[in-house]
PDB file of all heavy atoms in Angstrom:
ATOM      1  N   GLU A   1     117.578   8.432 226.896  1.00  0.00           N
ATOM      2  CA  GLU A   1     116.349   8.528 227.512  1.00  0.00           C
ATOM      3  C   GLU A   1     116.233   9.574 228.640  1.00  0.00           C
ATOM      4  O   GLU A   1     117.170  10.242 228.900  1.00  0.00           O
ATOM      5  CB  GLU A   1     115.988   7.066 228.166  1.00  0.00           C
ATOM      6  CG  GLU A   1     116.028   5.941 227.290  1.00  0.00           C
ATOM      7  CD  GLU A   1     114.903   6.010 226.348  1.00  0.00           C
ATOM      8  OE1 GLU A   1     113.767   6.670 226.535  1.00  0.00           O
ATOM      9  OE2 GLU A   1     114.992   5.344 225.312  1.00  0.00           O
ATOM     10  N   ALA A   2     114.998   9.916 229.062  1.00  0.00           N
ATOM     11  CA  ALA A   2     114.812  11.133 229.934  1.00  0.00           C
ATOM     12  C   ALA A   2     115.636  10.998 231.178  1.00  0.00           C
ATOM     13  O   ALA A   2     115.587  11.822 232.124  1.00  0.00           O
ATOM     14  CB  ALA A   2     113.371  11.403 230.086  1.00  0.00           C
ATOM     15  N   ASP A   3     115.922   9.715 231.619  1.00  0.00           N
ATOM     16  CA  ASP A   3     116.501   9.605 232.950  1.00  0.00           C
ATOM     17  C   ASP A   3     117.964   9.804 233.085  1.00  0.00           C
ATOM     18  O   ASP A   3     118.515   9.690 234.129  1.00  0.00           O
ATOM     19  CB  ASP A   3     116.254   8.123 233.362  1.00  0.00           C
ATOM     20  CG  ASP A   3     116.883   7.011 232.509  1.00  0.00           C
ATOM     21  OD1 ASP A   3     117.419   7.423 231.353  1.00  0.00           O
ATOM     22  OD2 ASP A   3     116.934   5.794 232.845  1.00  0.00           O
ATOM     23  N   VAL A   4     118.619  10.307 232.028  1.00  0.00           N
ATOM     24  CA  VAL A   4     120.038  10.827 232.128  1.00  0.00           C
ATOM     25  C   VAL A   4     120.044  12.173 232.820  1.00  0.00           C
ATOM     26  O   VAL A   4     118.976  12.844 232.904  1.00  0.00           O
ATOM     27  CB  VAL A   4     120.709  10.819 230.823  1.00  0.00           C
ATOM     28  CG1 VAL A   4     120.725   9.469 230.147  1.00  0.00           C
ATOM     29  CG2 VAL A   4     120.054  11.806 229.832  1.00  0.00           C
ATOM     30  N   ASP A   5     121.198  12.580 233.193  1.00  0.00           N
ATOM     31  CA  ASP A   5     121.338  13.897 233.978  1.00  0.00           C
ATOM     32  C   ASP A   5     120.892  15.070 233.061  1.00  0.00           C
ATOM     33  O   ASP A   5     120.287  16.140 233.618  1.00  0.00           O
ATOM     34  CB  ASP A   5     122.687  14.067 234.532  1.00  0.00           C
ATOM     35  CG  ASP A   5     123.014  13.078 235.612  1.00  0.00           C
ATOM     36  OD1 ASP A   5     122.084  12.696 236.346  1.00  0.00           O
ATOM     37  OD2 ASP A   5     124.209  12.583 235.710  1.00  0.00           O
ATOM     38  N   ALA A   6     121.217  15.181 231.738  1.00  0.00           N
ATOM     39  CA  ALA A   6     120.916  16.154 230.985  1.00  0.00           C
ATOM     40  C   ALA A   6     121.195  15.993 229.502  1.00  0.00           C
ATOM     41  O   ALA A   6     121.902  14.907 229.174  1.00  0.00           O
ATOM     42  CB  ALA A   6     121.850  17.397 231.244  1.00  0.00           C
ATOM     43  N   THR A   7     120.394  16.448 228.638  1.00  0.00           N
ATOM     44  CA  THR A   7     120.607  16.545 227.199  1.00  0.00           C
ATOM     45  C   THR A   7     121.085  17.853 226.766  1.00  0.00           C
ATOM     46  O   THR A   7     120.318  18.852 227.033  1.00  0.00           O
ATOM     47  CB  THR A   7     119.360  15.958 226.362  1.00  0.00           C
ATOM     48  OG1 THR A   7     118.987  14.728 226.796  1.00  0.00           O
ATOM     49  CG2 THR A   7     119.607  16.092 224.941  1.00  0.00           C
ATOM     50  N   VAL A   8     122.232  17.901 226.245  1.00  0.00           N
ATOM     51  CA  VAL A   8     122.874  19.203 225.883  1.00  0.00           C
ATOM     52  C   VAL A   8     123.047  19.426 224.469  1.00  0.00           C
ATOM     53  O   VAL A   8     123.735  18.473 223.788  1.00  0.00           O
ATOM     54  CB  VAL A   8     124.266  19.407 226.669  1.00  0.00           C
ATOM     55  CG1 VAL A   8     124.900  20.598 226.379  1.00  0.00           C
ATOM     56  CG2 VAL A   8     123.838  19.403 228.193  1.00  0.00           C
ATOM     57  N   VAL A   9     122.779  20.503 223.985  1.00  0.00           N
ATOM     58  CA  VAL A   9     123.130  20.994 222.659  1.00  0.00           C
ATOM     59  C   VAL A   9     124.095  22.195 222.779  1.00  0.00           C
ATOM     60  O   VAL A   9     123.722  23.172 223.174  1.00  0.00           O
ATOM     61  CB  VAL A   9     121.834  21.540 221.816  1.00  0.00           C
ATOM     62  CG1 VAL A   9     122.376  22.006 220.358  1.00  0.00           C
ATOM     63  CG2 VAL A   9     120.869  20.269 221.637  1.00  0.00           C
ATOM     64  N   TYR A  10     125.424  21.972 222.398  1.00  0.00           N
ATOM     65  CA  TYR A  10     126.303  22.994 222.631  1.00  0.00           C
ATOM     66  C   TYR A  10     126.001  24.151 221.790  1.00  0.00           C
ATOM     67  O   TYR A  10     125.681  24.150 220.745  1.00  0.00           O
ATOM     68  CB  TYR A  10     127.662  22.475 222.296  1.00  0.00           C
ATOM     69  CG  TYR A  10     128.788  23.384 222.886  1.00  0.00           C
ATOM     70  CD1 TYR A  10     129.260  23.350 224.189  1.00  0.00           C
ATOM     71  CD2 TYR A  10     129.425  24.331 222.002  1.00  0.00           C
ATOM     72  CE1 TYR A  10     130.256  24.176 224.579  1.00  0.00           C
ATOM     73  CE2 TYR A  10     130.384  25.238 222.493  1.00  0.00           C
ATOM     74  CZ  TYR A  10     130.728  25.152 223.693  1.00  0.00           C
ATOM     75  OH  TYR A  10     131.660  25.955 224.275  1.00  0.00           O
ATOM     76  N   GLY A  11     126.177  25.302 222.510  1.00  0.00           N
ATOM     77  CA  GLY A  11     125.646  26.574 221.820  1.00  0.00           C
ATOM     78  C   GLY A  11     124.273  27.035 222.182  1.00  0.00           C
ATOM     79  O   GLY A  11     123.817  28.044 221.885  1.00  0.00           O
ATOM     80  N   VAL A  12     123.554  26.034 222.898  1.00  0.00           N
ATOM     81  CA  VAL A  12     122.181  26.407 223.239  1.00  0.00           C
ATOM     82  C   VAL A  12     122.010  26.299 224.820  1.00  0.00           C
ATOM     83  O   VAL A  12     121.681  27.265 225.362  1.00  0.00           O
ATOM     84  CB  VAL A  12     121.141  25.389 222.560  1.00  0.00           C
ATOM     85  CG1 VAL A  12     119.865  25.734 223.067  1.00  0.00           C
ATOM     86  CG2 VAL A  12     121.281  25.516 221.001  1.00  0.00           C
ATOM     87  N   ASN A  13     122.351  25.170 225.367  1.00  0.00           N
ATOM     88  CA  ASN A  13     122.039  25.002 226.795  1.00  0.00           C
ATOM     89  C   ASN A  13     123.212  24.359 227.524  1.00  0.00           C
ATOM     90  O   ASN A  13     122.994  23.749 228.597  1.00  0.00           O
ATOM     91  CB  ASN A  13     120.761  24.257 227.028  1.00  0.00           C
ATOM     92  CG  ASN A  13     121.011  22.767 226.548  1.00  0.00           C
ATOM     93  OD1 ASN A  13     121.687  22.426 225.710  1.00  0.00           O
ATOM     94  ND2 ASN A  13     120.026  21.892 227.226  1.00  0.00           N
ATOM     95  N   GLN A  14     124.407  24.444 227.074  1.00  0.00           N
ATOM     96  CA  GLN A  14     125.483  23.905 227.788  1.00  0.00           C
ATOM     97  C   GLN A  14     125.796  24.464 229.175  1.00  0.00           C
ATOM     98  O   GLN A  14     126.371  23.745 230.155  1.00  0.00           O
ATOM     99  CB  GLN A  14     126.867  23.990 227.048  1.00  0.00           C
ATOM    100  CG  GLN A  14     127.480  25.351 227.001  1.00  0.00           C
ATOM    101  CD  GLN A  14     126.912  26.181 225.877  1.00  0.00           C
ATOM    102  OE1 GLN A  14     125.958  25.839 225.116  1.00  0.00           O
ATOM    103  NE2 GLN A  14     127.572  27.330 225.428  1.00  0.00           N
ATOM    104  N   ALA A  15     125.173  25.513 229.427  1.00  0.00           N
ATOM    105  CA  ALA A  15     125.302  26.091 230.864  1.00  0.00           C
ATOM    106  C   ALA A  15     124.562  25.270 231.922  1.00  0.00           C
ATOM    107  O   ALA A  15     124.759  25.496 233.123  1.00  0.00           O
ATOM    108  CB  ALA A  15     124.723  27.626 230.765  1.00  0.00           C
ATOM    109  N   ALA A  16     123.720  24.437 231.440  1.00  0.00           N
ATOM    110  CA  ALA A  16     122.938  23.510 232.239  1.00  0.00           C
ATOM    111  C   ALA A  16     123.718  22.439 232.883  1.00  0.00           C
ATOM    112  O   ALA A  16     123.223  21.764 233.813  1.00  0.00           O
ATOM    113  CB  ALA A  16     121.710  22.998 231.447  1.00  0.00           C
ATOM    114  N   ILE A  17     124.916  22.162 232.280  1.00  0.00           N
ATOM    115  CA  ILE A  17     125.782  21.262 232.766  1.00  0.00           C
ATOM    116  C   ILE A  17     126.284  21.533 234.232  1.00  0.00           C
ATOM    117  O   ILE A  17     126.862  22.547 234.536  1.00  0.00           O
ATOM    118  CB  ILE A  17     126.851  20.768 231.999  1.00  0.00           C
ATOM    119  CG1 ILE A  17     126.291  20.366 230.472  1.00  0.00           C
ATOM    120  CG2 ILE A  17     127.854  19.823 232.637  1.00  0.00           C
ATOM    121  CD1 ILE A  17     127.528  20.076 229.532  1.00  0.00           C
ATOM    122  N   ALA A  18     126.128  20.628 235.212  1.00  0.00           N
ATOM    123  CA  ALA A  18     126.609  20.841 236.565  1.00  0.00           C
ATOM    124  C   ALA A  18     127.644  19.872 236.958  1.00  0.00           C
ATOM    125  O   ALA A  18     127.793  18.744 236.337  1.00  0.00           O
ATOM    126  CB  ALA A  18     125.422  20.636 237.572  1.00  0.00           C
ATOM    127  N   PRO A  19     128.593  20.293 237.792  1.00  0.00           N
ATOM    128  CA  PRO A  19     129.677  19.405 238.124  1.00  0.00           C
ATOM    129  C   PRO A  19     129.328  17.973 238.667  1.00  0.00           C
ATOM    130  O   PRO A  19     130.062  17.008 238.485  1.00  0.00           O
ATOM    131  CB  PRO A  19     130.383  20.218 239.331  1.00  0.00           C
ATOM    132  CG  PRO A  19     130.043  21.560 239.031  1.00  0.00           C
ATOM    133  CD  PRO A  19     128.561  21.573 238.582  1.00  0.00           C
ATOM    134  N   ASP A  20     128.197  17.931 239.253  1.00  0.00           N
ATOM    135  CA  ASP A  20     127.823  16.514 239.778  1.00  0.00           C
ATOM    136  C   ASP A  20     127.111  15.624 238.731  1.00  0.00           C
ATOM    137  O   ASP A  20     126.706  14.420 239.059  1.00  0.00           O
ATOM    138  CB  ASP A  20     126.873  16.761 241.036  1.00  0.00           C
ATOM    139  CG  ASP A  20     125.568  17.454 240.630  1.00  0.00           C
ATOM    140  OD1 ASP A  20     125.423  18.088 239.508  1.00  0.00           O
ATOM    141  OD2 ASP A  20     124.589  17.306 241.412  1.00  0.00           O
ATOM    142  N   MET A  21     126.928  16.075 237.532  1.00  0.00           N
ATOM    143  CA  MET A  21     126.410  15.320 236.416  1.00  0.00           C
ATOM    144  C   MET A  21     127.412  14.360 235.933  1.00  0.00           C
ATOM    145  O   MET A  21     128.429  14.603 235.610  1.00  0.00           O
ATOM    146  CB  MET A  21     125.786  16.173 235.334  1.00  0.00           C
ATOM    147  CG  MET A  21     124.570  17.088 235.685  1.00  0.00           C
ATOM    148  SD  MET A  21     124.083  17.976 234.312  1.00  0.00           S
ATOM    149  CE  MET A  21     122.498  18.890 234.918  1.00  0.00           C
ATOM    150  N   ARG A  22     126.966  12.999 235.882  1.00  0.00           N
ATOM    151  CA  ARG A  22     127.759  11.990 235.363  1.00  0.00           C
ATOM    152  C   ARG A  22     127.323  11.364 234.088  1.00  0.00           C
ATOM    153  O   ARG A  22     128.231  10.694 233.466  1.00  0.00           O
ATOM    154  CB  ARG A  22     127.964  10.906 236.547  1.00  0.00           C
ATOM    155  CG  ARG A  22     128.456  11.479 237.859  1.00  0.00           C
ATOM    156  CD  ARG A  22     128.638  10.266 238.853  1.00  0.00           C
ATOM    157  NE  ARG A  22     129.737   9.509 238.254  1.00  0.00           N
ATOM    158  CZ  ARG A  22     129.960   8.260 238.907  1.00  0.00           C
ATOM    159  NH1 ARG A  22     129.058   7.753 239.697  1.00  0.00           N
ATOM    160  NH2 ARG A  22     130.870   7.562 238.393  1.00  0.00           N
ATOM    161  N   ILE A  23     126.078  11.570 233.728  1.00  0.00           N
ATOM    162  CA  ILE A  23     125.562  10.983 232.424  1.00  0.00           C
ATOM    163  C   ILE A  23     124.907  11.911 231.610  1.00  0.00           C
ATOM    164  O   ILE A  23     123.836  12.402 232.029  1.00  0.00           O
ATOM    165  CB  ILE A  23     124.709   9.612 232.733  1.00  0.00           C
ATOM    166  CG1 ILE A  23     125.438   8.675 233.821  1.00  0.00           C
ATOM    167  CG2 ILE A  23     124.118   9.160 231.518  1.00  0.00           C
ATOM    168  CD1 ILE A  23     124.409   7.628 234.216  1.00  0.00           C
ATOM    169  N   VAL A  24     125.376  12.285 230.573  1.00  0.00           N
ATOM    170  CA  VAL A  24     124.817  13.438 229.759  1.00  0.00           C
ATOM    171  C   VAL A  24     124.844  12.878 228.295  1.00  0.00           C
ATOM    172  O   VAL A  24     125.524  12.063 227.751  1.00  0.00           O
ATOM    173  CB  VAL A  24     125.857  14.634 229.792  1.00  0.00           C
ATOM    174  CG1 VAL A  24     125.281  15.785 228.876  1.00  0.00           C
ATOM    175  CG2 VAL A  24     125.797  15.054 231.223  1.00  0.00           C
ATOM    176  N   SER A  25     123.759  13.390 227.523  1.00  0.00           N
ATOM    177  CA  SER A  25     123.736  13.122 226.098  1.00  0.00           C
ATOM    178  C   SER A  25     123.812  14.305 225.291  1.00  0.00           C
ATOM    179  O   SER A  25     123.406  15.528 225.727  1.00  0.00           O
ATOM    180  CB  SER A  25     122.145  12.644 225.875  1.00  0.00           C
ATOM    181  OG  SER A  25     121.861  12.641 224.451  1.00  0.00           O
ATOM    182  N   ALA A  26     124.526  14.219 224.106  1.00  0.00           N
ATOM    183  CA  ALA A  26     124.772  15.320 223.267  1.00  0.00           C
ATOM    184  C   ALA A  26     123.637  15.489 222.320  1.00  0.00           C
ATOM    185  O   ALA A  26     123.814  16.157 221.185  1.00  0.00           O
ATOM    186  CB  ALA A  26     126.149  15.055 222.485  1.00  0.00           C
ATOM    187  N   ALA A  27     122.471  14.852 222.519  1.00  0.00           N
ATOM    188  CA  ALA A  27     121.374  14.919 221.570  1.00  0.00           C
ATOM    189  C   ALA A  27     121.487  14.301 220.143  1.00  0.00           C
ATOM    190  O   ALA A  27     122.497  13.627 220.094  1.00  0.00           O
ATOM    191  CB  ALA A  27     120.902  16.482 221.489  1.00  0.00           C
ATOM    192  N   SER A  28     120.689  14.713 219.271  1.00  0.00           N
ATOM    193  CA  SER A  28     120.940  14.037 217.969  1.00  0.00           C
ATOM    194  C   SER A  28     121.494  15.132 216.926  1.00  0.00           C
ATOM    195  O   SER A  28     121.527  16.325 217.199  1.00  0.00           O
ATOM    196  CB  SER A  28     119.514  13.609 217.353  1.00  0.00           C
ATOM    197  OG  SER A  28     118.669  14.776 217.080  1.00  0.00           O
ATOM    198  N   ARG A  29     121.945  14.493 215.697  1.00  0.00           N
ATOM    199  CA  ARG A  29     122.555  15.554 214.808  1.00  0.00           C
ATOM    200  C   ARG A  29     121.353  16.561 214.399  1.00  0.00           C
ATOM    201  O   ARG A  29     121.704  17.675 214.115  1.00  0.00           O
ATOM    202  CB  ARG A  29     123.257  14.878 213.618  1.00  0.00           C
ATOM    203  CG  ARG A  29     122.000  13.971 212.932  1.00  0.00           C
ATOM    204  CD  ARG A  29     122.729  13.274 211.613  1.00  0.00           C
ATOM    205  NE  ARG A  29     121.816  12.426 210.814  1.00  0.00           N
ATOM    206  CZ  ARG A  29     121.781  11.085 211.070  1.00  0.00           C
ATOM    207  NH1 ARG A  29     122.622  10.542 211.800  1.00  0.00           N
ATOM    208  NH2 ARG A  29     120.831  10.292 210.334  1.00  0.00           N
ATOM    209  N   THR A  30     120.130  16.138 214.246  1.00  0.00           N
ATOM    210  CA  THR A  30     119.042  16.890 213.763  1.00  0.00           C
ATOM    211  C   THR A  30     118.788  18.077 214.833  1.00  0.00           C
ATOM    212  O   THR A  30     118.726  19.182 214.520  1.00  0.00           O
ATOM    213  CB  THR A  30     117.803  16.168 213.557  1.00  0.00           C
ATOM    214  OG1 THR A  30     118.114  15.032 212.613  1.00  0.00           O
ATOM    215  CG2 THR A  30     116.760  16.986 213.022  1.00  0.00           C
ATOM    216  N   ALA A  31     118.813  17.691 216.127  1.00  0.00           N
ATOM    217  CA  ALA A  31     118.589  18.664 217.144  1.00  0.00           C
ATOM    218  C   ALA A  31     119.683  19.642 217.137  1.00  0.00           C
ATOM    219  O   ALA A  31     119.490  20.823 217.393  1.00  0.00           O
ATOM    220  CB  ALA A  31     118.454  17.865 218.512  1.00  0.00           C
ATOM    221  N   ARG A  32     120.927  19.169 217.067  1.00  0.00           N
ATOM    222  CA  ARG A  32     122.058  20.174 217.103  1.00  0.00           C
ATOM    223  C   ARG A  32     122.078  21.111 215.876  1.00  0.00           C
ATOM    224  O   ARG A  32     122.464  22.266 216.019  1.00  0.00           O
ATOM    225  CB  ARG A  32     123.383  19.390 217.049  1.00  0.00           C
ATOM    226  CG  ARG A  32     123.673  18.570 218.290  1.00  0.00           C
ATOM    227  CD  ARG A  32     124.996  18.044 218.327  1.00  0.00           C
ATOM    228  NE  ARG A  32     125.272  17.095 217.405  1.00  0.00           N
ATOM    229  CZ  ARG A  32     125.139  15.627 217.605  1.00  0.00           C
ATOM    230  NH1 ARG A  32     124.753  15.264 218.829  1.00  0.00           N
ATOM    231  NH2 ARG A  32     125.339  14.753 216.622  1.00  0.00           N
ATOM    232  N   THR A  33     121.520  20.514 214.867  1.00  0.00           N
ATOM    233  CA  THR A  33     121.470  21.477 213.572  1.00  0.00           C
ATOM    234  C   THR A  33     120.290  22.504 213.811  1.00  0.00           C
ATOM    235  O   THR A  33     120.455  23.774 213.457  1.00  0.00           O
ATOM    236  CB  THR A  33     121.221  20.598 212.386  1.00  0.00           C
ATOM    237  OG1 THR A  33     122.203  19.785 212.193  1.00  0.00           O
ATOM    238  CG2 THR A  33     121.109  21.653 211.030  1.00  0.00           C
ATOM    239  N   ILE A  34     119.114  22.040 214.049  1.00  0.00           N
ATOM    240  CA  ILE A  34     117.861  22.937 214.194  1.00  0.00           C
ATOM    241  C   ILE A  34     117.908  23.916 215.382  1.00  0.00           C
ATOM    242  O   ILE A  34     117.647  25.034 215.317  1.00  0.00           O
ATOM    243  CB  ILE A  34     116.617  22.054 214.174  1.00  0.00           C
ATOM    244  CG1 ILE A  34     116.694  21.379 212.678  1.00  0.00           C
ATOM    245  CG2 ILE A  34     115.332  22.954 214.311  1.00  0.00           C
ATOM    246  CD1 ILE A  34     115.445  20.469 212.661  1.00  0.00           C
ATOM    247  N   LEU A  35     118.168  23.384 216.596  1.00  0.00           N
ATOM    248  CA  LEU A  35     118.007  24.134 217.772  1.00  0.00           C
ATOM    249  C   LEU A  35     119.040  25.232 217.887  1.00  0.00           C
ATOM    250  O   LEU A  35     118.849  26.309 218.537  1.00  0.00           O
ATOM    251  CB  LEU A  35     118.245  23.211 218.930  1.00  0.00           C
ATOM    252  CG  LEU A  35     117.107  22.216 219.113  1.00  0.00           C
ATOM    253  CD1 LEU A  35     117.259  21.273 220.365  1.00  0.00           C
ATOM    254  CD2 LEU A  35     115.638  22.906 219.193  1.00  0.00           C
ATOM    255  N   SER A  36     120.226  25.146 217.151  1.00  0.00           N
ATOM    256  CA  SER A  36     121.159  26.206 217.381  1.00  0.00           C
ATOM    257  C   SER A  36     120.773  27.503 216.668  1.00  0.00           C
ATOM    258  O   SER A  36     121.236  28.553 216.961  1.00  0.00           O
ATOM    259  CB  SER A  36     122.653  25.813 216.815  1.00  0.00           C
ATOM    260  OG  SER A  36     122.447  25.521 215.399  1.00  0.00           O
ATOM    261  N   TYR A  37     119.794  27.319 215.635  1.00  0.00           N
ATOM    262  CA  TYR A  37     119.518  28.491 214.901  1.00  0.00           C
ATOM    263  C   TYR A  37     118.739  29.642 215.777  1.00  0.00           C
ATOM    264  O   TYR A  37     119.165  30.883 215.606  1.00  0.00           O
ATOM    265  CB  TYR A  37     118.616  28.183 213.506  1.00  0.00           C
ATOM    266  CG  TYR A  37     118.082  29.338 213.052  1.00  0.00           C
ATOM    267  CD1 TYR A  37     118.848  30.310 212.296  1.00  0.00           C
ATOM    268  CD2 TYR A  37     116.671  29.663 213.005  1.00  0.00           C
ATOM    269  CE1 TYR A  37     118.333  31.428 211.838  1.00  0.00           C
ATOM    270  CE2 TYR A  37     116.157  30.730 212.462  1.00  0.00           C
ATOM    271  CZ  TYR A  37     116.956  31.731 211.880  1.00  0.00           C
ATOM    272  OH  TYR A  37     116.320  32.696 211.256  1.00  0.00           O
ATOM    273  N   PRO A  38     117.676  29.270 216.420  1.00  0.00           N
ATOM    274  CA  PRO A  38     117.044  30.376 217.285  1.00  0.00           C
ATOM    275  C   PRO A  38     118.041  31.080 218.176  1.00  0.00           C
ATOM    276  O   PRO A  38     117.860  32.374 218.384  1.00  0.00           O
ATOM    277  CB  PRO A  38     116.030  29.551 218.063  1.00  0.00           C
ATOM    278  CG  PRO A  38     115.807  28.359 217.190  1.00  0.00           C
ATOM    279  CD  PRO A  38     117.183  27.875 216.665  1.00  0.00           C
ATOM    280  N   VAL A  39     118.981  30.459 218.672  1.00  0.00           N
ATOM    281  CA  VAL A  39     119.917  31.010 219.545  1.00  0.00           C
ATOM    282  C   VAL A  39     120.912  31.982 218.853  1.00  0.00           C
ATOM    283  O   VAL A  39     121.318  33.001 219.303  1.00  0.00           O
ATOM    284  CB  VAL A  39     120.784  29.882 220.366  1.00  0.00           C
ATOM    285  CG1 VAL A  39     121.804  30.552 221.243  1.00  0.00           C
ATOM    286  CG2 VAL A  39     119.811  29.035 221.219  1.00  0.00           C
ATOM    287  N   GLN A  40     121.323  31.560 217.657  1.00  0.00           N
ATOM    288  CA  GLN A  40     122.212  32.183 216.824  1.00  0.00           C
ATOM    289  C   GLN A  40     121.713  33.192 215.857  1.00  0.00           C
ATOM    290  O   GLN A  40     122.522  33.881 215.148  1.00  0.00           O
ATOM    291  CB  GLN A  40     123.265  31.251 216.110  1.00  0.00           C
ATOM    292  CG  GLN A  40     123.903  30.346 217.053  1.00  0.00           C
ATOM    293  CD  GLN A  40     124.897  30.782 218.109  1.00  0.00           C
ATOM    294  OE1 GLN A  40     125.359  32.091 217.715  1.00  0.00           O
ATOM    295  NE2 GLN A  40     125.067  30.229 219.133  1.00  0.00           N
ATOM    296  N   ARG A  41     120.439  33.288 215.778  1.00  0.00           N
ATOM    297  CA  ARG A  41     119.798  34.016 214.595  1.00  0.00           C
ATOM    298  C   ARG A  41     120.318  35.524 214.620  1.00  0.00           C
ATOM    299  O   ARG A  41     120.307  36.079 213.467  1.00  0.00           O
ATOM    300  CB  ARG A  41     118.379  33.845 214.626  1.00  0.00           C
ATOM    301  CG  ARG A  41     117.628  34.674 215.880  1.00  0.00           C
ATOM    302  CD  ARG A  41     116.177  34.259 215.833  1.00  0.00           C
ATOM    303  NE  ARG A  41     115.478  35.055 217.045  1.00  0.00           N
ATOM    304  CZ  ARG A  41     115.428  34.542 218.300  1.00  0.00           C
ATOM    305  NH1 ARG A  41     116.126  33.499 218.631  1.00  0.00           N
ATOM    306  NH2 ARG A  41     114.756  35.267 219.201  1.00  0.00           N
ATOM    307  N   HIS A  42     120.502  36.108 215.726  1.00  0.00           N
ATOM    308  CA  HIS A  42     120.846  37.524 215.671  1.00  0.00           C
ATOM    309  C   HIS A  42     122.189  37.672 215.042  1.00  0.00           C
ATOM    310  O   HIS A  42     122.634  38.929 214.759  1.00  0.00           O
ATOM    311  CB  HIS A  42     120.904  38.072 217.106  1.00  0.00           C
ATOM    312  CG  HIS A  42     121.967  37.297 218.020  1.00  0.00           C
ATOM    313  ND1 HIS A  42     121.887  36.104 218.693  1.00  0.00           N
ATOM    314  CD2 HIS A  42     123.218  37.810 218.364  1.00  0.00           C
ATOM    315  CE1 HIS A  42     122.827  35.754 219.225  1.00  0.00           C
ATOM    316  NE2 HIS A  42     123.734  36.837 219.174  1.00  0.00           N
ATOM    317  N   ARG A  43     123.014  36.587 214.760  1.00  0.00           N
ATOM    318  CA  ARG A  43     124.341  36.844 214.280  1.00  0.00           C
ATOM    319  C   ARG A  43     124.282  36.472 212.696  1.00  0.00           C
ATOM    320  O   ARG A  43     125.266  36.796 212.061  1.00  0.00           O
ATOM    321  CB  ARG A  43     125.301  35.714 214.794  1.00  0.00           C
ATOM    322  CG  ARG A  43     125.565  35.870 216.295  1.00  0.00           C
ATOM    323  CD  ARG A  43     126.481  34.838 216.773  1.00  0.00           C
ATOM    324  NE  ARG A  43     126.706  35.039 218.179  1.00  0.00           N
ATOM    325  CZ  ARG A  43     127.521  34.152 218.910  1.00  0.00           C
ATOM    326  NH1 ARG A  43     128.207  33.153 218.298  1.00  0.00           N
ATOM    327  NH2 ARG A  43     127.571  34.497 220.171  1.00  0.00           N
TER     328      ARG A  43
END
């Protein structure tokens, strides 16, 4: 749910993680698959 500290897709927004965050979500498999493409498209 939106009340956790962050939802992170590694390779996209992992820099958003801060040391004081204690509850984080790794998102869904679909999000991890689709969202990484715009970031990595130049490769």
